[in-house]
Amino acid sequence: MRDKIIGLSIFIVGIFLLVFYTYLAILVPAGWDPLNLVSDFENSMYWIIIIPLWIMILGFMSILIWLGWSTLRTPPAEILEKELKEIEELEKKSRASKE
């Protein structure tokens, strides 16, 4: 259950940061007007810098969101713990038989 909470937290934080960064970097300077974004693209060095940075942030946040989603969707690790206990028991038995 703890893994699910961590995965959900990573997923939500990733989406929030992506939306927040998009809002601050793209929508606020554009004045919420898509036509203004196109007209200012040619006249401002801001867009030449911010678009590649936004694409990099988009890639990083996509990885973060995917990591949270996959952590959220994986089965609990109880199965692995049972298998580890069985392996430890087998190792103890093999050590005891060697002595």
C-alpha atoms as a PDB file:
ATOM      1  CA  MET A   1       0.000   0.000   0.000  1.00  0.00           C
ATOM      2  CA  ARG A   2       2.894   2.336   0.764  1.00  0.00           C
ATOM      3  CA  ASP A   3       4.242   1.899  -2.786  1.00  0.00           C
ATOM      4  CA  LYS A   4       0.874   2.862  -4.230  1.00  0.00           C
ATOM      5  CA  ILE A   5       0.811   6.084  -2.198  1.00  0.00           C
ATOM      6  CA  ILE A   6       4.344   6.975  -3.293  1.00  0.00           C
ATOM      7  CA  GLY A   7       3.495   6.223  -6.935  1.00  0.00           C
ATOM      8  CA  LEU A   8       0.325   8.299  -6.782  1.00  0.00           C
ATOM      9  CA  SER A   9       2.242  11.171  -5.166  1.00  0.00           C
ATOM     10  CA  ILE A  10       4.938  11.120  -7.857  1.00  0.00           C
ATOM     11  CA  PHE A  11       2.263  10.965 -10.564  1.00  0.00           C
ATOM     12  CA  ILE A  12       0.274  13.901  -9.185  1.00  0.00           C
ATOM     13  CA  VAL A  13       3.357  16.035  -8.485  1.00  0.00           C
ATOM     14  CA  GLY A  14       4.656  15.397 -12.021  1.00  0.00           C
ATOM     15  CA  ILE A  15       1.378  16.443 -13.619  1.00  0.00           C
ATOM     16  CA  PHE A  16       1.103  19.495 -11.348  1.00  0.00           C
ATOM     17  CA  LEU A  17       4.662  20.640 -12.117  1.00  0.00           C
ATOM     18  CA  LEU A  18       4.164  20.164 -15.857  1.00  0.00           C
ATOM     19  CA  VAL A  19       0.944  22.198 -15.862  1.00  0.00           C
ATOM     20  CA  PHE A  20       2.442  24.859 -13.568  1.00  0.00           C
ATOM     21  CA  TYR A  21       5.601  25.253 -15.662  1.00  0.00           C
ATOM     22  CA  THR A  22       3.547  25.410 -18.860  1.00  0.00           C
ATOM     23  CA  TYR A  23       1.366  28.082 -17.292  1.00  0.00           C
ATOM     24  CA  LEU A  24       4.343  30.196 -16.155  1.00  0.00           C
ATOM     25  CA  ALA A  25       6.573  29.737 -19.192  1.00  0.00           C
ATOM     26  CA  ILE A  26       4.126  29.637 -22.106  1.00  0.00           C
ATOM     27  CA  LEU A  27       0.667  30.925 -21.223  1.00  0.00           C
ATOM     28  CA  VAL A  28       1.494  33.952 -19.047  1.00  0.00           C
ATOM     29  CA  PRO A  29       3.980  35.561 -21.467  1.00  0.00           C
ATOM     30  CA  ALA A  30       1.626  34.857 -24.383  1.00  0.00           C
ATOM     31  CA  GLY A  31      -1.198  36.677 -22.627  1.00  0.00           C
ATOM     32  CA  TRP A  32      -3.455  33.613 -23.047  1.00  0.00           C
ATOM     33  CA  ASP A  33      -3.906  34.556 -26.701  1.00  0.00           C
ATOM     34  CA  PRO A  34      -2.635  31.953 -29.179  1.00  0.00           C
ATOM     35  CA  LEU A  35      -2.395  34.585 -31.919  1.00  0.00           C
ATOM     36  CA  ASN A  36      -0.213  36.725 -29.658  1.00  0.00           C
ATOM     37  CA  LEU A  37       2.065  33.718 -29.197  1.00  0.00           C
ATOM     38  CA  VAL A  38       2.552  33.461 -32.957  1.00  0.00           C
ATOM     39  CA  SER A  39       3.146  37.184 -33.503  1.00  0.00           C
ATOM     40  CA  ASP A  40       5.595  37.454 -30.594  1.00  0.00           C
ATOM     41  CA  PHE A  41       7.509  34.360 -31.705  1.00  0.00           C
ATOM     42  CA  GLU A  42       9.366  36.257 -34.415  1.00  0.00           C
ATOM     43  CA  ASN A  43      10.020  39.365 -32.325  1.00  0.00           C
ATOM     44  CA  SER A  44      11.228  37.929 -29.040  1.00  0.00           C
ATOM     45  CA  MET A  45      14.332  36.009 -28.027  1.00  0.00           C
ATOM     46  CA  TYR A  46      12.314  34.732 -25.071  1.00  0.00           C
ATOM     47  CA  TRP A  47      10.539  32.171 -27.226  1.00  0.00           C
ATOM     48  CA  ILE A  48      13.777  30.970 -28.801  1.00  0.00           C
ATOM     49  CA  ILE A  49      15.068  30.126 -25.335  1.00  0.00           C
ATOM     50  CA  ILE A  50      11.897  28.954 -23.606  1.00  0.00           C
ATOM     51  CA  ILE A  51      10.555  26.520 -26.226  1.00  0.00           C
ATOM     52  CA  PRO A  52      13.586  24.149 -26.083  1.00  0.00           C
ATOM     53  CA  LEU A  53      13.625  24.424 -22.291  1.00  0.00           C
ATOM     54  CA  TRP A  54       9.927  23.629 -22.167  1.00  0.00           C
ATOM     55  CA  ILE A  55      10.476  20.591 -24.392  1.00  0.00           C
ATOM     56  CA  MET A  56      13.226  19.352 -22.043  1.00  0.00           C
ATOM     57  CA  ILE A  57      10.984  19.913 -19.007  1.00  0.00           C
ATOM     58  CA  LEU A  58       8.183  18.122 -20.845  1.00  0.00           C
ATOM     59  CA  GLY A  59      10.467  15.117 -21.408  1.00  0.00           C
ATOM     60  CA  PHE A  60      11.653  15.048 -17.801  1.00  0.00           C
ATOM     61  CA  MET A  61       8.154  15.402 -16.400  1.00  0.00           C
ATOM     62  CA  SER A  62       6.893  12.688 -18.775  1.00  0.00           C
ATOM     63  CA  ILE A  63       9.492  10.327 -17.332  1.00  0.00           C
ATOM     64  CA  LEU A  64       8.499  11.362 -13.799  1.00  0.00           C
ATOM     65  CA  ILE A  65       4.802  10.850 -14.561  1.00  0.00           C
ATOM     66  CA  TRP A  66       5.521   7.464 -16.170  1.00  0.00           C
ATOM     67  CA  LEU A  67       7.583   6.433 -13.132  1.00  0.00           C
ATOM     68  CA  GLY A  68       4.746   7.367 -10.795  1.00  0.00           C
ATOM     69  CA  TRP A  69       2.189   5.576 -12.956  1.00  0.00           C
ATOM     70  CA  SER A  70       4.245   2.398 -13.209  1.00  0.00           C
ATOM     71  CA  THR A  71       4.907   2.442  -9.457  1.00  0.00           C
ATOM     72  CA  LEU A  72       1.198   2.879  -8.877  1.00  0.00           C
ATOM     73  CA  ARG A  73       0.295  -0.030 -11.172  1.00  0.00           C
ATOM     74  CA  THR A  74       2.876  -2.625 -10.046  1.00  0.00           C
ATOM     75  CA  PRO A  75       1.717  -5.426  -7.764  1.00  0.00           C
ATOM     76  CA  PRO A  76       2.755  -5.333  -4.114  1.00  0.00           C
ATOM     77  CA  ALA A  77       6.163  -6.678  -3.193  1.00  0.00           C
ATOM     78  CA  GLU A  78       4.782  -9.318  -0.791  1.00  0.00           C
ATOM     79  CA  ILE A  79       5.358 -12.021  -3.381  1.00  0.00           C
ATOM     80  CA  LEU A  80       9.018 -11.101  -3.611  1.00  0.00           C
ATOM     81  CA  GLU A  81       9.362 -11.093   0.173  1.00  0.00           C
ATOM     82  CA  LYS A  82       7.968 -14.627   0.352  1.00  0.00           C
ATOM     83  CA  GLU A  83      10.390 -15.793  -2.322  1.00  0.00           C
ATOM     84  CA  LEU A  84      13.310 -14.151  -0.484  1.00  0.00           C
ATOM     85  CA  LYS A  85      12.327 -15.921   2.741  1.00  0.00           C
ATOM     86  CA  GLU A  86      12.244 -19.245   0.892  1.00  0.00           C
ATOM     87  CA  ILE A  87      15.690 -18.592  -0.585  1.00  0.00           C
ATOM     88  CA  GLU A  88      17.079 -17.678   2.842  1.00  0.00           C
ATOM     89  CA  GLU A  89      15.641 -20.892   4.302  1.00  0.00           C
ATOM     90  CA  LEU A  90      17.212 -22.936   1.502  1.00  0.00           C
ATOM     91  CA  GLU A  91      20.571 -21.220   2.111  1.00  0.00           C
ATOM     92  CA  LYS A  92      20.349 -21.995   5.842  1.00  0.00           C
ATOM     93  CA  LYS A  93      19.570 -25.631   5.066  1.00  0.00           C
ATOM     94  CA  SER A  94      22.463 -25.883   2.621  1.00  0.00           C
ATOM     95  CA  ARG A  95      24.844 -24.310   5.160  1.00  0.00           C
ATOM     96  CA  ALA A  96      23.623 -26.710   7.842  1.00  0.00           C
ATOM     97  CA  SER A  97      24.120 -29.705   5.549  1.00  0.00           C
ATOM     98  CA  LYS A  98      27.686 -28.575   4.714  1.00  0.00           C
ATOM     99  CA  GLU A  99      28.597 -28.466   8.400  1.00  0.00           C
END
